[in-house]
Amino acid sequence: QVQLVESGGGLVQPGGSLRLSCVASGFTFSITTMRWYRQVPGKERELVATITSTGDSTNYADSVKGRFTISRDNAKNTVSLQMNSLKSEDTAVYYCNGFQYWGKGTLVTVSS
């Protein structure tokens, strides 16, 4: 049974930081490119960050470049998203993705 379980969301003030984590099971995580997406109600889901299976290559949406960092630990089947200098426009539900599998999301709210 495939599972992707996100955690780490919450309420943070503008300029603050959060670290999201996603623990995967039920598929071969170590050979899977992993991605973080986000979605605001009423808008399309947006690709935020991508990391290759070995972690040697990453890509970011222009809106988060220089502020967010994606990483992975293949020994722990975990992919993380470090989010710094958060802005109100980063408020969204963040989803972990690998292959066609999706987590249920974790809500990030950036507000004073």
C-alpha atoms as a PDB file:
ATOM      1  CA  GLN A   1       0.000   0.000   0.000  1.00  0.00           C
ATOM      2  CA  VAL A   2       1.480   3.287  -1.129  1.00  0.00           C
ATOM      3  CA  GLN A   3       1.517   6.123   1.362  1.00  0.00           C
ATOM      4  CA  LEU A   4       2.908   9.643   1.307  1.00  0.00           C
ATOM      5  CA  VAL A   5       2.431  11.420   4.602  1.00  0.00           C
ATOM      6  CA  GLU A   6       3.253  15.107   4.889  1.00  0.00           C
ATOM      7  CA  SER A   7       3.872  16.964   8.121  1.00  0.00           C
ATOM      8  CA  GLY A   8       5.265  20.245   9.357  1.00  0.00           C
ATOM      9  CA  GLY A   9       2.664  22.718   8.183  1.00  0.00           C
ATOM     10  CA  GLY A  10       1.245  25.398  10.410  1.00  0.00           C
ATOM     11  CA  LEU A  11       0.857  29.107  11.021  1.00  0.00           C
ATOM     12  CA  VAL A  12       3.935  31.292  10.676  1.00  0.00           C
ATOM     13  CA  GLN A  13       4.526  35.029  10.477  1.00  0.00           C
ATOM     14  CA  PRO A  14       5.866  36.647   7.313  1.00  0.00           C
ATOM     15  CA  GLY A  15       9.621  36.285   7.201  1.00  0.00           C
ATOM     16  CA  GLY A  16       9.516  33.105   9.237  1.00  0.00           C
ATOM     17  CA  SER A  17      10.506  29.547   8.397  1.00  0.00           C
ATOM     18  CA  LEU A  18       8.927  26.121   8.274  1.00  0.00           C
ATOM     19  CA  ARG A  19      10.224  22.697   7.363  1.00  0.00           C
ATOM     20  CA  LEU A  20       7.891  20.245   5.678  1.00  0.00           C
ATOM     21  CA  SER A  21       8.565  16.535   5.620  1.00  0.00           C
ATOM     22  CA  CYS A  22       7.063  13.690   3.626  1.00  0.00           C
ATOM     23  CA  VAL A  23       7.545  10.055   4.560  1.00  0.00           C
ATOM     24  CA  ALA A  24       6.989   7.565   1.756  1.00  0.00           C
ATOM     25  CA  SER A  25       6.184   3.870   1.825  1.00  0.00           C
ATOM     26  CA  GLY A  26       4.931   1.177  -0.517  1.00  0.00           C
ATOM     27  CA  PHE A  27       7.147   1.966  -3.483  1.00  0.00           C
ATOM     28  CA  THR A  28      10.856   2.183  -4.265  1.00  0.00           C
ATOM     29  CA  PHE A  29      11.512   5.665  -2.986  1.00  0.00           C
ATOM     30  CA  SER A  30      15.223   5.636  -3.773  1.00  0.00           C
ATOM     31  CA  ILE A  31      14.656   5.522  -7.548  1.00  0.00           C
ATOM     32  CA  THR A  32      11.815   8.039  -7.615  1.00  0.00           C
ATOM     33  CA  THR A  33      12.008  11.689  -8.504  1.00  0.00           C
ATOM     34  CA  MET A  34      10.079  13.531  -5.814  1.00  0.00           C
ATOM     35  CA  ARG A  35       8.230  16.808  -6.000  1.00  0.00           C
ATOM     36  CA  TRP A  36       6.481  19.304  -3.767  1.00  0.00           C
ATOM     37  CA  TYR A  37       3.405  21.048  -5.102  1.00  0.00           C
ATOM     38  CA  ARG A  38       1.117  23.608  -3.531  1.00  0.00           C
ATOM     39  CA  GLN A  39      -2.446  24.656  -4.118  1.00  0.00           C
ATOM     40  CA  VAL A  40      -4.556  27.608  -3.108  1.00  0.00           C
ATOM     41  CA  PRO A  41      -8.323  27.040  -3.150  1.00  0.00           C
ATOM     42  CA  GLY A  42      -9.725  28.011  -6.524  1.00  0.00           C
ATOM     43  CA  LYS A  43      -6.347  27.877  -8.243  1.00  0.00           C
ATOM     44  CA  GLU A  44      -4.402  25.193 -10.084  1.00  0.00           C
ATOM     45  CA  ARG A  45      -1.877  23.072  -8.279  1.00  0.00           C
ATOM     46  CA  GLU A  46       1.597  24.602  -8.694  1.00  0.00           C
ATOM     47  CA  LEU A  47       4.901  22.732  -8.882  1.00  0.00           C
ATOM     48  CA  VAL A  48       7.190  24.173  -6.221  1.00  0.00           C
ATOM     49  CA  ALA A  49      10.305  21.998  -6.189  1.00  0.00           C
ATOM     50  CA  THR A  50      11.744  18.818  -7.699  1.00  0.00           C
ATOM     51  CA  ILE A  51      14.578  16.552  -6.604  1.00  0.00           C
ATOM     52  CA  THR A  52      15.999  13.637  -8.573  1.00  0.00           C
ATOM     53  CA  SER A  53      16.274  10.142  -7.118  1.00  0.00           C
ATOM     54  CA  THR A  54      19.867  10.586  -6.002  1.00  0.00           C
ATOM     55  CA  GLY A  55      19.368  14.150  -4.874  1.00  0.00           C
ATOM     56  CA  ASP A  56      22.036  15.473  -7.204  1.00  0.00           C
ATOM     57  CA  SER A  57      19.707  17.773  -9.082  1.00  0.00           C
ATOM     58  CA  THR A  58      16.979  20.107  -7.902  1.00  0.00           C
ATOM     59  CA  ASN A  59      14.655  22.606  -9.544  1.00  0.00           C
ATOM     60  CA  TYR A  60      12.461  25.334  -8.138  1.00  0.00           C
ATOM     61  CA  ALA A  61       9.615  27.550  -9.206  1.00  0.00           C
ATOM     62  CA  ASP A  62      10.803  31.102  -9.775  1.00  0.00           C
ATOM     63  CA  SER A  63       8.527  32.275  -6.979  1.00  0.00           C
ATOM     64  CA  VAL A  64      10.447  30.272  -4.350  1.00  0.00           C
ATOM     65  CA  LYS A  65      13.986  30.240  -5.734  1.00  0.00           C
ATOM     66  CA  GLY A  66      16.513  31.297  -3.132  1.00  0.00           C
ATOM     67  CA  ARG A  67      14.024  30.838  -0.288  1.00  0.00           C
ATOM     68  CA  PHE A  68      13.051  27.141  -0.422  1.00  0.00           C
ATOM     69  CA  THR A  69      15.323  24.102  -0.383  1.00  0.00           C
ATOM     70  CA  ILE A  70      14.251  20.562  -1.235  1.00  0.00           C
ATOM     71  CA  SER A  71      16.235  17.628   0.114  1.00  0.00           C
ATOM     72  CA  ARG A  72      15.852  13.902   0.609  1.00  0.00           C
ATOM     73  CA  ASP A  73      17.102  11.060   2.760  1.00  0.00           C
ATOM     74  CA  ASN A  74      16.780   7.799   0.876  1.00  0.00           C
ATOM     75  CA  ALA A  75      17.704   5.796   3.960  1.00  0.00           C
ATOM     76  CA  LYS A  76      14.622   7.201   5.698  1.00  0.00           C
ATOM     77  CA  ASN A  77      12.330   7.414   2.648  1.00  0.00           C
ATOM     78  CA  THR A  78      11.866  11.074   3.394  1.00  0.00           C
ATOM     79  CA  VAL A  79      11.756  14.215   1.286  1.00  0.00           C
ATOM     80  CA  SER A  80      11.784  17.619   2.937  1.00  0.00           C
ATOM     81  CA  LEU A  81      11.125  21.219   2.002  1.00  0.00           C
ATOM     82  CA  GLN A  82      12.858  23.927   4.007  1.00  0.00           C
ATOM     83  CA  MET A  83      10.963  27.181   3.559  1.00  0.00           C
ATOM     84  CA  ASN A  84      12.592  30.434   4.638  1.00  0.00           C
ATOM     85  CA  SER A  85      11.619  34.081   4.303  1.00  0.00           C
ATOM     86  CA  LEU A  86       8.003  33.064   3.978  1.00  0.00           C
ATOM     87  CA  LYS A  87       5.519  35.449   2.392  1.00  0.00           C
ATOM     88  CA  SER A  88       1.751  35.647   2.594  1.00  0.00           C
ATOM     89  CA  GLU A  89       1.564  34.400  -0.980  1.00  0.00           C
ATOM     90  CA  ASP A  90       3.187  31.133   0.122  1.00  0.00           C
ATOM     91  CA  THR A  91      -0.014  30.291   1.974  1.00  0.00           C
ATOM     92  CA  ALA A  92      -1.338  27.055   0.476  1.00  0.00           C
ATOM     93  CA  VAL A  93      -1.789  23.355   1.005  1.00  0.00           C
ATOM     94  CA  TYR A  94       1.513  21.660   0.216  1.00  0.00           C
ATOM     95  CA  TYR A  95       1.538  18.197  -1.355  1.00  0.00           C
ATOM     96  CA  CYS A  96       4.247  15.604  -1.721  1.00  0.00           C
ATOM     97  CA  ASN A  97       4.346  13.690  -5.022  1.00  0.00           C
ATOM     98  CA  GLY A  98       6.215  10.709  -6.423  1.00  0.00           C
ATOM     99  CA  PHE A  99       5.185   8.934  -9.662  1.00  0.00           C
ATOM    100  CA  GLN A 100       1.390   9.107  -9.672  1.00  0.00           C
ATOM    101  CA  TYR A 101       1.197   9.036  -5.902  1.00  0.00           C
ATOM    102  CA  TRP A 102       0.111  11.973  -3.766  1.00  0.00           C
ATOM    103  CA  GLY A 103      -0.056  12.759  -0.106  1.00  0.00           C
ATOM    104  CA  LYS A 104      -3.077  14.380   1.494  1.00  0.00           C
ATOM    105  CA  GLY A 105      -1.286  17.658   1.993  1.00  0.00           C
ATOM    106  CA  THR A 106      -0.288  19.901   4.851  1.00  0.00           C
ATOM    107  CA  LEU A 107      -1.557  23.452   5.274  1.00  0.00           C
ATOM    108  CA  VAL A 108       0.887  26.335   5.471  1.00  0.00           C
ATOM    109  CA  THR A 109      -0.517  29.691   6.524  1.00  0.00           C
ATOM    110  CA  VAL A 110       1.699  32.760   6.464  1.00  0.00           C
ATOM    111  CA  SER A 111       0.043  35.593   8.320  1.00  0.00           C
ATOM    112  CA  SER A 112       0.715  38.165  10.986  1.00  0.00           C
END
